[in-house]
Amino acid sequence: MRTFWLSLVGVGLAVAGVAVVAAAGPREEKKVDTRFFEMRTYHAAPGKMEALHARFRDHTCKLFAKHGITIIGFWNPADPKEADRTLIYLLAYPSRQAHDQSWEAFQNDPEWKAAKAESEKDGKLVDRVESVFLHPTDYSPIK
């Protein structure tokens, strides 16, 4: 009978030991998202908003992807007076350094230069660009 109890205690300790080892095993660390965001606002030249949309639709979006630039979204203001001359979009990058490298590669891409030149043969599409770099807050649902 004593052997039975010793065996039972031994098995119990072995199970407890396995549970402790399993619990102490490698843990998945909480991933900290360090994405770097850029909000860009384009103020279109008079009468050029549709051409600007076409350039993004037909060329720019594909080139952003080619250069590792993540598009979060594009918006026009809800105010009709602003909608026909303002385009706002949000981009994401893994880091500030990635932004700098991706944006430089995009700007120097011969395909971009050709698309820009072709789209602006009848005049520039954009009067003014505003760019704001953003870091998400700790409570932001997008990071």
N, C-alpha and C. Protein backbone atom coordinates (compact mmCIF):
# COMPACT_ATOMS: atom_id res chain seq x y z
N MET A 1 0.83 -1.19 0.00
CA MET A 1 0.00 0.00 0.00
C MET A 1 0.87 1.26 0.00
N ARG A 2 1.97 1.16 0.76
CA ARG A 2 2.88 2.31 0.82
C ARG A 2 3.45 2.59 -0.57
N THR A 3 3.75 1.57 -1.34
CA THR A 3 4.28 1.73 -2.69
C THR A 3 3.25 2.43 -3.58
N PHE A 4 2.00 2.08 -3.40
CA PHE A 4 0.94 2.70 -4.17
C PHE A 4 0.91 4.21 -3.92
N TRP A 5 0.94 4.61 -2.65
CA TRP A 5 0.90 6.03 -2.31
C TRP A 5 2.15 6.76 -2.78
N LEU A 6 3.29 6.13 -2.68
CA LEU A 6 4.53 6.76 -3.17
C LEU A 6 4.47 6.94 -4.69
N SER A 7 3.93 5.93 -5.36
CA SER A 7 3.79 6.01 -6.82
C SER A 7 2.81 7.13 -7.19
N LEU A 8 1.71 7.22 -6.46
CA LEU A 8 0.71 8.25 -6.73
C LEU A 8 1.31 9.65 -6.52
N VAL A 9 2.05 9.82 -5.43
CA VAL A 9 2.70 11.11 -5.16
C VAL A 9 3.73 11.40 -6.25
N GLY A 10 4.48 10.39 -6.67
CA GLY A 10 5.48 10.57 -7.73
C GLY A 10 4.85 11.00 -9.04
N VAL A 11 3.75 10.35 -9.41
CA VAL A 11 3.04 10.71 -10.64
C VAL A 11 2.50 12.13 -10.52
N GLY A 12 1.94 12.47 -9.36
CA GLY A 12 1.41 13.82 -9.15
C GLY A 12 2.49 14.88 -9.28
N LEU A 13 3.66 14.60 -8.70
CA LEU A 13 4.78 15.55 -8.81
C LEU A 13 5.26 15.66 -10.26
N ALA A 14 5.28 14.55 -10.97
CA ALA A 14 5.70 14.58 -12.37
C ALA A 14 4.74 15.42 -13.21
N VAL A 15 3.44 15.23 -13.01
CA VAL A 15 2.44 16.01 -13.75
C VAL A 15 2.58 17.48 -13.40
N ALA A 16 2.75 17.79 -12.13
CA ALA A 16 2.92 19.18 -11.71
C ALA A 16 4.18 19.77 -12.34
N GLY A 17 5.25 18.99 -12.38
CA GLY A 17 6.50 19.46 -12.99
C GLY A 17 6.33 19.77 -14.47
N VAL A 18 5.63 18.90 -15.19
CA VAL A 18 5.38 19.13 -16.62
C VAL A 18 4.55 20.40 -16.80
N ALA A 19 3.56 20.60 -15.95
CA ALA A 19 2.71 21.79 -16.04
C ALA A 19 3.53 23.05 -15.81
N VAL A 20 4.43 23.01 -14.83
CA VAL A 20 5.27 24.18 -14.53
C VAL A 20 6.20 24.47 -15.70
N VAL A 21 6.82 23.44 -16.26
CA VAL A 21 7.73 23.63 -17.39
C VAL A 21 6.96 24.18 -18.59
N ALA A 22 5.78 23.65 -18.84
CA ALA A 22 4.98 24.13 -19.97
C ALA A 22 4.59 25.59 -19.78
N ALA A 23 4.21 25.94 -18.56
CA ALA A 23 3.81 27.32 -18.29
C ALA A 23 4.99 28.27 -18.37
N ALA A 24 6.18 27.79 -18.03
CA ALA A 24 7.36 28.64 -18.03
C ALA A 24 8.06 28.64 -19.38
N GLY A 25 7.54 27.88 -20.34
CA GLY A 25 8.16 27.78 -21.66
C GLY A 25 8.15 29.12 -22.37
N PRO A 26 8.61 29.11 -23.61
CA PRO A 26 8.68 30.37 -24.34
C PRO A 26 7.31 31.01 -24.46
N ARG A 27 7.25 32.27 -24.12
CA ARG A 27 6.00 33.02 -24.20
C ARG A 27 6.06 33.96 -25.38
N GLU A 28 4.92 34.14 -25.96
CA GLU A 28 4.83 35.08 -27.06
C GLU A 28 4.79 36.48 -26.46
N GLU A 29 5.81 37.27 -26.81
CA GLU A 29 5.85 38.63 -26.28
C GLU A 29 4.87 39.50 -27.05
N LYS A 30 4.32 40.46 -26.35
CA LYS A 30 3.37 41.37 -26.99
C LYS A 30 4.13 42.18 -28.03
N LYS A 31 3.64 42.12 -29.25
CA LYS A 31 4.28 42.83 -30.35
C LYS A 31 3.97 44.32 -30.24
N VAL A 32 5.00 45.12 -30.28
CA VAL A 32 4.82 46.57 -30.27
C VAL A 32 4.88 47.04 -31.71
N ASP A 33 3.82 47.63 -32.17
CA ASP A 33 3.75 48.11 -33.53
C ASP A 33 4.40 49.48 -33.60
N THR A 34 5.39 49.60 -34.43
CA THR A 34 6.13 50.85 -34.52
C THR A 34 5.88 51.55 -35.85
N ARG A 35 4.74 51.27 -36.46
CA ARG A 35 4.49 51.90 -37.76
C ARG A 35 4.55 53.41 -37.66
N PHE A 36 4.91 53.98 -38.77
CA PHE A 36 5.07 55.42 -38.91
C PHE A 36 4.05 55.86 -39.95
N PHE A 37 3.24 56.85 -39.64
CA PHE A 37 2.17 57.28 -40.53
C PHE A 37 2.46 58.65 -41.12
N GLU A 38 1.90 58.87 -42.29
CA GLU A 38 1.99 60.17 -42.94
C GLU A 38 0.62 60.52 -43.51
N MET A 39 0.11 61.68 -43.12
CA MET A 39 -1.14 62.18 -43.68
C MET A 39 -0.77 63.27 -44.69
N ARG A 40 -1.22 63.09 -45.91
CA ARG A 40 -0.91 64.04 -46.97
C ARG A 40 -2.22 64.67 -47.46
N THR A 41 -2.19 65.97 -47.64
CA THR A 41 -3.33 66.71 -48.17
C THR A 41 -2.89 67.42 -49.43
N TYR A 42 -3.59 67.13 -50.52
CA TYR A 42 -3.29 67.76 -51.81
C TYR A 42 -4.39 68.76 -52.11
N HIS A 43 -3.97 69.96 -52.45
CA HIS A 43 -4.89 71.01 -52.88
C HIS A 43 -4.73 71.08 -54.40
N ALA A 44 -5.72 70.57 -55.10
CA ALA A 44 -5.65 70.45 -56.55
C ALA A 44 -5.71 71.82 -57.22
N ALA A 45 -5.02 71.90 -58.35
CA ALA A 45 -5.13 73.10 -59.18
C ALA A 45 -6.57 73.17 -59.71
N PRO A 46 -7.06 74.36 -60.00
CA PRO A 46 -8.44 74.49 -60.48
C PRO A 46 -8.73 73.57 -61.68
N GLY A 47 -9.82 72.82 -61.55
CA GLY A 47 -10.26 71.93 -62.62
C GLY A 47 -9.44 70.66 -62.79
N LYS A 48 -8.54 70.36 -61.86
CA LYS A 48 -7.63 69.22 -62.04
C LYS A 48 -7.90 68.04 -61.11
N MET A 49 -8.96 68.09 -60.32
CA MET A 49 -9.20 67.01 -59.35
C MET A 49 -9.40 65.66 -60.03
N GLU A 50 -10.17 65.60 -61.09
CA GLU A 50 -10.40 64.31 -61.76
C GLU A 50 -9.11 63.75 -62.32
N ALA A 51 -8.26 64.61 -62.88
CA ALA A 51 -6.96 64.15 -63.40
C ALA A 51 -6.08 63.65 -62.25
N LEU A 52 -6.17 64.30 -61.09
CA LEU A 52 -5.40 63.86 -59.93
C LEU A 52 -5.89 62.49 -59.46
N HIS A 53 -7.20 62.31 -59.39
CA HIS A 53 -7.75 60.99 -59.03
C HIS A 53 -7.28 59.92 -60.03
N ALA A 54 -7.31 60.25 -61.31
CA ALA A 54 -6.90 59.29 -62.34
C ALA A 54 -5.43 58.91 -62.17
N ARG A 55 -4.59 59.88 -61.85
CA ARG A 55 -3.16 59.57 -61.68
C ARG A 55 -2.96 58.63 -60.50
N PHE A 56 -3.66 58.87 -59.40
CA PHE A 56 -3.55 57.94 -58.26
C PHE A 56 -4.09 56.57 -58.64
N ARG A 57 -5.27 56.54 -59.25
CA ARG A 57 -5.93 55.29 -59.60
C ARG A 57 -5.09 54.47 -60.58
N ASP A 58 -4.53 55.12 -61.58
CA ASP A 58 -3.86 54.41 -62.67
C ASP A 58 -2.36 54.19 -62.46
N HIS A 59 -1.72 55.00 -61.63
CA HIS A 59 -0.26 54.91 -61.51
C HIS A 59 0.26 54.92 -60.07
N THR A 60 -0.09 55.96 -59.34
CA THR A 60 0.54 56.20 -58.04
C THR A 60 0.33 55.05 -57.06
N CYS A 61 -0.89 54.54 -56.95
CA CYS A 61 -1.16 53.46 -55.98
C CYS A 61 -0.29 52.24 -56.25
N LYS A 62 -0.15 51.87 -57.52
CA LYS A 62 0.69 50.71 -57.88
C LYS A 62 2.14 50.97 -57.53
N LEU A 63 2.60 52.19 -57.77
CA LEU A 63 4.00 52.52 -57.47
C LEU A 63 4.24 52.59 -55.96
N PHE A 64 3.25 53.05 -55.20
CA PHE A 64 3.40 53.02 -53.74
C PHE A 64 3.63 51.58 -53.29
N ALA A 65 2.81 50.66 -53.77
CA ALA A 65 2.96 49.25 -53.39
C ALA A 65 4.33 48.72 -53.80
N LYS A 66 4.77 49.08 -54.98
CA LYS A 66 6.08 48.63 -55.48
C LYS A 66 7.20 49.05 -54.54
N HIS A 67 7.05 50.21 -53.92
CA HIS A 67 8.11 50.76 -53.06
C HIS A 67 7.84 50.55 -51.57
N GLY A 68 6.93 49.65 -51.23
CA GLY A 68 6.70 49.29 -49.83
C GLY A 68 5.92 50.31 -49.03
N ILE A 69 5.18 51.15 -49.69
CA ILE A 69 4.35 52.16 -49.03
C ILE A 69 2.95 51.59 -48.88
N THR A 70 2.47 51.51 -47.64
CA THR A 70 1.14 50.96 -47.38
C THR A 70 0.10 52.08 -47.39
N ILE A 71 -0.90 51.91 -48.22
CA ILE A 71 -2.00 52.88 -48.30
C ILE A 71 -3.06 52.50 -47.28
N ILE A 72 -3.38 53.42 -46.37
CA ILE A 72 -4.45 53.20 -45.40
C ILE A 72 -5.79 53.62 -46.01
N GLY A 73 -5.81 54.76 -46.70
CA GLY A 73 -7.04 55.19 -47.34
C GLY A 73 -6.92 56.57 -47.97
N PHE A 74 -7.92 56.89 -48.79
CA PHE A 74 -8.02 58.19 -49.46
C PHE A 74 -9.39 58.78 -49.12
N TRP A 75 -9.43 60.09 -48.97
CA TRP A 75 -10.69 60.77 -48.65
C TRP A 75 -10.77 62.11 -49.37
N ASN A 76 -12.01 62.50 -49.65
CA ASN A 76 -12.33 63.87 -50.05
C ASN A 76 -13.16 64.45 -48.92
N PRO A 77 -13.04 65.74 -48.66
CA PRO A 77 -13.87 66.35 -47.62
C PRO A 77 -15.35 66.19 -47.93
N ALA A 78 -16.16 66.11 -46.89
CA ALA A 78 -17.62 66.00 -47.05
C ALA A 78 -18.22 67.31 -47.55
N ASP A 79 -17.57 68.42 -47.26
CA ASP A 79 -18.03 69.73 -47.72
C ASP A 79 -17.83 69.80 -49.24
N PRO A 80 -18.93 69.94 -50.01
CA PRO A 80 -18.81 69.94 -51.47
C PRO A 80 -17.87 71.02 -52.01
N LYS A 81 -17.77 72.16 -51.32
CA LYS A 81 -16.88 73.23 -51.79
C LYS A 81 -15.42 72.81 -51.71
N GLU A 82 -15.10 71.96 -50.74
CA GLU A 82 -13.72 71.49 -50.58
C GLU A 82 -13.46 70.20 -51.36
N ALA A 83 -14.50 69.41 -51.58
CA ALA A 83 -14.34 68.08 -52.19
C ALA A 83 -13.77 68.14 -53.61
N ASP A 84 -14.09 69.21 -54.34
CA ASP A 84 -13.61 69.27 -55.72
C ASP A 84 -12.20 69.83 -55.85
N ARG A 85 -11.55 70.08 -54.70
CA ARG A 85 -10.18 70.59 -54.79
C ARG A 85 -9.25 70.04 -53.72
N THR A 86 -9.73 69.13 -52.88
CA THR A 86 -8.89 68.60 -51.80
C THR A 86 -8.93 67.09 -51.76
N LEU A 87 -7.76 66.48 -51.70
CA LEU A 87 -7.61 65.04 -51.56
C LEU A 87 -6.73 64.79 -50.34
N ILE A 88 -7.22 63.95 -49.43
CA ILE A 88 -6.47 63.62 -48.22
C ILE A 88 -6.23 62.12 -48.22
N TYR A 89 -4.99 61.73 -47.91
CA TYR A 89 -4.73 60.30 -47.82
C TYR A 89 -3.74 60.00 -46.71
N LEU A 90 -3.80 58.75 -46.24
CA LEU A 90 -2.98 58.31 -45.13
C LEU A 90 -2.14 57.12 -45.57
N LEU A 91 -0.84 57.21 -45.30
CA LEU A 91 0.11 56.16 -45.65
C LEU A 91 0.76 55.62 -44.38
N ALA A 92 1.25 54.39 -44.45
CA ALA A 92 1.96 53.80 -43.31
C ALA A 92 3.26 53.17 -43.79
N TYR A 93 4.23 53.20 -42.91
CA TYR A 93 5.55 52.64 -43.17
C TYR A 93 5.99 51.90 -41.90
N PRO A 94 6.90 50.95 -42.01
CA PRO A 94 7.38 50.27 -40.81
C PRO A 94 8.12 51.20 -39.84
N SER A 95 8.75 52.27 -40.36
CA SER A 95 9.52 53.18 -39.52
C SER A 95 9.76 54.48 -40.28
N ARG A 96 10.33 55.47 -39.61
CA ARG A 96 10.68 56.73 -40.28
C ARG A 96 11.75 56.47 -41.34
N GLN A 97 12.70 55.62 -41.01
CA GLN A 97 13.76 55.29 -41.96
C GLN A 97 13.16 54.63 -43.21
N ALA A 98 12.21 53.73 -43.00
CA ALA A 98 11.55 53.07 -44.14
C ALA A 98 10.81 54.11 -44.99
N HIS A 99 10.18 55.08 -44.33
CA HIS A 99 9.52 56.16 -45.07
C HIS A 99 10.51 56.87 -45.97
N ASP A 100 11.61 57.29 -45.38
CA ASP A 100 12.60 58.06 -46.13
C ASP A 100 13.11 57.27 -47.34
N GLN A 101 13.40 56.00 -47.13
CA GLN A 101 13.91 55.17 -48.22
C GLN A 101 12.84 54.92 -49.28
N SER A 102 11.63 54.59 -48.85
CA SER A 102 10.55 54.30 -49.80
C SER A 102 10.16 55.54 -50.60
N TRP A 103 10.07 56.68 -49.91
CA TRP A 103 9.64 57.89 -50.60
C TRP A 103 10.69 58.32 -51.62
N GLU A 104 11.96 58.21 -51.26
CA GLU A 104 13.03 58.57 -52.20
C GLU A 104 13.00 57.65 -53.42
N ALA A 105 12.84 56.35 -53.18
CA ALA A 105 12.78 55.39 -54.30
C ALA A 105 11.57 55.68 -55.19
N PHE A 106 10.44 56.00 -54.58
CA PHE A 106 9.23 56.34 -55.35
C PHE A 106 9.47 57.58 -56.21
N GLN A 107 9.99 58.64 -55.60
CA GLN A 107 10.21 59.89 -56.32
C GLN A 107 11.19 59.74 -57.48
N ASN A 108 12.15 58.82 -57.34
CA ASN A 108 13.17 58.61 -58.38
C ASN A 108 12.81 57.52 -59.38
N ASP A 109 11.67 56.89 -59.20
CA ASP A 109 11.27 55.81 -60.09
C ASP A 109 10.95 56.39 -61.49
N PRO A 110 11.60 55.87 -62.53
CA PRO A 110 11.33 56.39 -63.88
C PRO A 110 9.85 56.27 -64.29
N GLU A 111 9.18 55.23 -63.80
CA GLU A 111 7.76 55.06 -64.11
C GLU A 111 6.94 56.20 -63.50
N TRP A 112 7.29 56.61 -62.25
CA TRP A 112 6.60 57.73 -61.62
C TRP A 112 6.88 59.03 -62.37
N LYS A 113 8.14 59.25 -62.72
CA LYS A 113 8.49 60.48 -63.43
C LYS A 113 7.74 60.59 -64.75
N ALA A 114 7.61 59.47 -65.46
CA ALA A 114 6.88 59.47 -66.73
C ALA A 114 5.39 59.72 -66.51
N ALA A 115 4.80 59.07 -65.52
CA ALA A 115 3.37 59.25 -65.23
C ALA A 115 3.08 60.68 -64.81
N LYS A 116 3.95 61.24 -63.98
CA LYS A 116 3.77 62.63 -63.52
C LYS A 116 3.87 63.59 -64.70
N ALA A 117 4.89 63.41 -65.53
CA ALA A 117 5.07 64.30 -66.69
C ALA A 117 3.88 64.21 -67.64
N GLU A 118 3.43 63.00 -67.92
CA GLU A 118 2.29 62.81 -68.83
C GLU A 118 1.02 63.45 -68.26
N SER A 119 0.78 63.26 -66.96
CA SER A 119 -0.44 63.79 -66.35
C SER A 119 -0.42 65.31 -66.24
N GLU A 120 0.77 65.90 -66.28
CA GLU A 120 0.89 67.35 -66.14
C GLU A 120 1.22 68.06 -67.45
N LYS A 121 1.03 67.38 -68.57
CA LYS A 121 1.36 68.00 -69.87
C LYS A 121 0.50 69.23 -70.15
N ASP A 122 -0.69 69.30 -69.55
CA ASP A 122 -1.56 70.46 -69.72
C ASP A 122 -1.59 71.34 -68.47
N GLY A 123 -0.59 71.22 -67.63
CA GLY A 123 -0.50 72.02 -66.41
C GLY A 123 -0.44 71.15 -65.17
N LYS A 124 0.15 71.71 -64.13
CA LYS A 124 0.31 70.94 -62.89
C LYS A 124 -1.05 70.60 -62.29
N LEU A 125 -1.10 69.46 -61.60
CA LEU A 125 -2.35 68.99 -61.00
C LEU A 125 -2.54 69.51 -59.58
N VAL A 126 -1.44 69.82 -58.91
CA VAL A 126 -1.50 70.16 -57.49
C VAL A 126 -0.88 71.54 -57.26
N ASP A 127 -1.64 72.39 -56.55
CA ASP A 127 -1.12 73.70 -56.17
C ASP A 127 -0.25 73.63 -54.92
N ARG A 128 -0.70 72.78 -53.96
CA ARG A 128 -0.01 72.76 -52.67
C ARG A 128 -0.18 71.39 -52.02
N VAL A 129 0.89 70.93 -51.36
CA VAL A 129 0.86 69.66 -50.63
C VAL A 129 1.20 69.93 -49.17
N GLU A 130 0.41 69.36 -48.28
CA GLU A 130 0.72 69.40 -46.84
C GLU A 130 1.00 67.98 -46.40
N SER A 131 2.05 67.81 -45.63
CA SER A 131 2.41 66.48 -45.14
C SER A 131 2.61 66.57 -43.63
N VAL A 132 1.95 65.66 -42.90
CA VAL A 132 2.08 65.60 -41.45
C VAL A 132 2.46 64.18 -41.07
N PHE A 133 3.55 64.03 -40.32
CA PHE A 133 3.97 62.72 -39.84
C PHE A 133 3.28 62.45 -38.50
N LEU A 134 2.83 61.21 -38.32
CA LEU A 134 2.00 60.87 -37.16
C LEU A 134 2.49 59.62 -36.46
N HIS A 135 2.36 59.62 -35.14
CA HIS A 135 2.56 58.43 -34.31
C HIS A 135 1.23 58.15 -33.62
N PRO A 136 0.76 56.90 -33.62
CA PRO A 136 -0.51 56.60 -32.96
C PRO A 136 -0.39 56.72 -31.44
N THR A 137 -1.47 57.12 -30.80
CA THR A 137 -1.50 57.15 -29.34
C THR A 137 -1.61 55.73 -28.81
N ASP A 138 -1.37 55.55 -27.52
CA ASP A 138 -1.43 54.20 -26.93
C ASP A 138 -2.85 53.64 -26.93
N TYR A 139 -3.87 54.49 -27.08
CA TYR A 139 -5.26 54.01 -27.08
C TYR A 139 -5.87 54.00 -28.49
N SER A 140 -5.06 54.28 -29.49
CA SER A 140 -5.57 54.27 -30.86
C SER A 140 -5.84 52.85 -31.33
N PRO A 141 -7.00 52.61 -31.97
CA PRO A 141 -7.26 51.27 -32.48
C PRO A 141 -6.38 50.90 -33.67
N ILE A 142 -5.83 51.90 -34.35
CA ILE A 142 -4.91 51.62 -35.46
C ILE A 142 -3.51 52.00 -35.03
N LYS A 143 -2.62 51.04 -35.18
CA LYS A 143 -1.23 51.29 -34.78
C LYS A 143 -0.28 50.80 -35.81
